[in-house]
Each structure stands twice: as C-alpha cells, then as structure tokens.
Amino acid sequence: MNNKLEVIGIDHGRSDIDDEYFAIIKAEIEDFVDKVYNSIREFGYSLKTIRQR
C-alpha cells in the first residue's frame, strides 16, 4: 500500500511514497513538531491562548 504525501510548498504537488519512506518522514515530522511544541511551552506560552487561523 502506498501513502500519499501532500507537499505544501511552491508546487503544491503530491507524491506516492513507499511505506518505509513514509514512516521515516512521518516520524521525523512528528519529532520536529514535538520539539517546537515543547519549546513553546518552555517559554510559557499556552497554545490555547494563541489565535488560530
């Protein structure tokens, strides 16, 4: 089964990616998001008080 990865950027394209690569990319993105979220919390910000778009 192939996963679709939507690339948000200049070309707004989509790509079929093998499951192995998709899992690696997904894990790296999740790790990055966790680091950003934890940094925000360390500075005392609450995501509940930040305006959402």
N, C-alpha and C. Protein backbone atom coordinates (compact mmCIF):
# COMPACT_ATOMS: atom_id res chain seq x y z
N MET A 1 0.85 -1.18 0.00
CA MET A 1 0.00 0.00 0.00
C MET A 1 0.89 1.24 0.00
N ASN A 2 0.64 2.14 -0.90
CA ASN A 2 1.38 3.39 -0.95
C ASN A 2 0.63 4.48 -0.22
N ASN A 3 1.38 5.36 0.38
CA ASN A 3 0.80 6.51 1.06
C ASN A 3 0.97 7.73 0.19
N LYS A 4 0.06 8.64 0.35
CA LYS A 4 0.16 9.91 -0.37
C LYS A 4 0.76 10.93 0.60
N LEU A 5 1.69 11.69 0.12
CA LEU A 5 2.27 12.77 0.90
C LEU A 5 1.97 14.05 0.17
N GLU A 6 1.22 14.93 0.80
CA GLU A 6 0.92 16.21 0.19
C GLU A 6 2.01 17.17 0.60
N VAL A 7 2.70 17.71 -0.38
CA VAL A 7 3.78 18.64 -0.15
C VAL A 7 3.23 20.05 -0.26
N ILE A 8 3.29 20.77 0.84
CA ILE A 8 2.82 22.14 0.84
C ILE A 8 4.03 23.02 0.59
N GLY A 9 4.06 23.65 -0.52
CA GLY A 9 5.21 24.46 -0.87
C GLY A 9 4.97 25.15 -2.19
N ILE A 10 6.02 25.29 -2.92
CA ILE A 10 5.95 26.05 -4.17
C ILE A 10 5.03 25.37 -5.19
N ASP A 11 5.16 24.07 -5.36
CA ASP A 11 4.39 23.42 -6.42
C ASP A 11 3.09 22.79 -5.93
N HIS A 12 2.88 22.69 -4.63
CA HIS A 12 1.66 22.11 -4.05
C HIS A 12 1.35 20.75 -4.66
N GLY A 13 2.37 19.96 -4.91
CA GLY A 13 2.17 18.67 -5.56
C GLY A 13 1.92 17.54 -4.58
N ARG A 14 1.71 16.38 -5.14
CA ARG A 14 1.54 15.17 -4.35
C ARG A 14 2.50 14.12 -4.89
N SER A 15 2.84 13.19 -4.02
CA SER A 15 3.77 12.16 -4.44
C SER A 15 3.40 10.84 -3.78
N ASP A 16 3.53 9.76 -4.53
CA ASP A 16 3.38 8.43 -3.95
C ASP A 16 4.72 8.05 -3.34
N ILE A 17 4.68 7.64 -2.08
CA ILE A 17 5.90 7.29 -1.37
C ILE A 17 5.73 5.89 -0.79
N ASP A 18 6.76 5.08 -0.89
CA ASP A 18 6.71 3.74 -0.31
C ASP A 18 6.48 3.84 1.20
N ASP A 19 5.84 2.83 1.76
CA ASP A 19 5.51 2.82 3.18
C ASP A 19 6.72 3.04 4.07
N GLU A 20 7.85 2.44 3.70
CA GLU A 20 9.08 2.57 4.51
C GLU A 20 9.51 4.03 4.62
N TYR A 21 9.56 4.71 3.49
CA TYR A 21 9.97 6.11 3.48
C TYR A 21 8.93 7.01 4.13
N PHE A 22 7.66 6.69 3.91
CA PHE A 22 6.59 7.46 4.51
C PHE A 22 6.69 7.41 6.04
N ALA A 23 6.96 6.23 6.59
CA ALA A 23 7.08 6.06 8.05
C ALA A 23 8.24 6.89 8.59
N ILE A 24 9.35 6.91 7.88
CA ILE A 24 10.52 7.70 8.31
C ILE A 24 10.20 9.19 8.29
N ILE A 25 9.61 9.65 7.20
CA ILE A 25 9.27 11.07 7.07
C ILE A 25 8.27 11.48 8.15
N LYS A 26 7.24 10.65 8.35
CA LYS A 26 6.22 10.94 9.35
C LYS A 26 6.83 11.02 10.76
N ALA A 27 7.72 10.09 11.08
CA ALA A 27 8.37 10.08 12.40
C ALA A 27 9.21 11.33 12.59
N GLU A 28 9.94 11.75 11.56
CA GLU A 28 10.77 12.94 11.66
C GLU A 28 9.93 14.20 11.83
N ILE A 29 8.83 14.28 11.10
CA ILE A 29 7.94 15.44 11.22
C ILE A 29 7.33 15.49 12.62
N GLU A 30 6.89 14.34 13.12
CA GLU A 30 6.31 14.29 14.47
C GLU A 30 7.33 14.70 15.52
N ASP A 31 8.59 14.25 15.37
CA ASP A 31 9.65 14.63 16.30
C ASP A 31 9.89 16.14 16.26
N PHE A 32 9.93 16.71 15.07
CA PHE A 32 10.13 18.14 14.92
C PHE A 32 8.99 18.93 15.57
N VAL A 33 7.76 18.51 15.32
CA VAL A 33 6.60 19.19 15.89
C VAL A 33 6.62 19.10 17.41
N ASP A 34 6.99 17.95 17.95
CA ASP A 34 7.11 17.80 19.41
C ASP A 34 8.14 18.77 19.98
N LYS A 35 9.27 18.91 19.30
CA LYS A 35 10.31 19.83 19.77
C LYS A 35 9.83 21.28 19.75
N VAL A 36 9.14 21.66 18.68
CA VAL A 36 8.60 23.02 18.59
C VAL A 36 7.57 23.25 19.69
N TYR A 37 6.66 22.30 19.86
CA TYR A 37 5.62 22.42 20.89
C TYR A 37 6.23 22.53 22.29
N ASN A 38 7.23 21.70 22.58
CA ASN A 38 7.87 21.75 23.89
C ASN A 38 8.62 23.07 24.10
N SER A 39 9.23 23.59 23.04
CA SER A 39 9.90 24.89 23.16
C SER A 39 8.90 25.99 23.46
N ILE A 40 7.76 25.95 22.80
CA ILE A 40 6.71 26.95 23.05
C ILE A 40 6.28 26.88 24.51
N ARG A 41 6.06 25.68 25.01
CA ARG A 41 5.63 25.51 26.41
C ARG A 41 6.72 25.99 27.38
N GLU A 42 8.00 25.72 27.06
CA GLU A 42 9.10 26.14 27.93
C GLU A 42 9.14 27.65 28.08
N PHE A 43 8.76 28.38 27.05
CA PHE A 43 8.73 29.84 27.11
C PHE A 43 7.47 30.38 27.77
N GLY A 44 6.60 29.47 28.21
CA GLY A 44 5.43 29.87 28.96
C GLY A 44 4.20 30.20 28.15
N TYR A 45 4.25 29.90 26.86
CA TYR A 45 3.08 30.16 26.03
C TYR A 45 2.10 28.99 26.15
N SER A 46 0.83 29.30 26.03
CA SER A 46 -0.20 28.27 26.00
C SER A 46 -0.84 28.30 24.62
N LEU A 47 -0.87 27.15 23.99
CA LEU A 47 -1.47 27.09 22.66
C LEU A 47 -2.96 27.37 22.69
N LYS A 48 -3.57 27.26 23.86
CA LYS A 48 -4.99 27.56 24.00
C LYS A 48 -5.26 29.06 23.91
N THR A 49 -4.25 29.88 24.20
CA THR A 49 -4.45 31.33 24.18
C THR A 49 -3.95 31.99 22.89
N ILE A 50 -3.35 31.21 22.02
CA ILE A 50 -2.84 31.74 20.77
C ILE A 50 -3.95 31.69 19.73
N ARG A 51 -4.14 32.79 19.01
CA ARG A 51 -5.18 32.87 17.99
C ARG A 51 -4.92 31.84 16.90
N GLN A 52 -5.95 31.11 16.54
CA GLN A 52 -5.88 30.10 15.49
C GLN A 52 -6.39 30.71 14.19
N ARG A 53 -5.83 30.29 13.07
CA ARG A 53 -6.27 30.76 11.77
C ARG A 53 -7.39 29.91 11.25
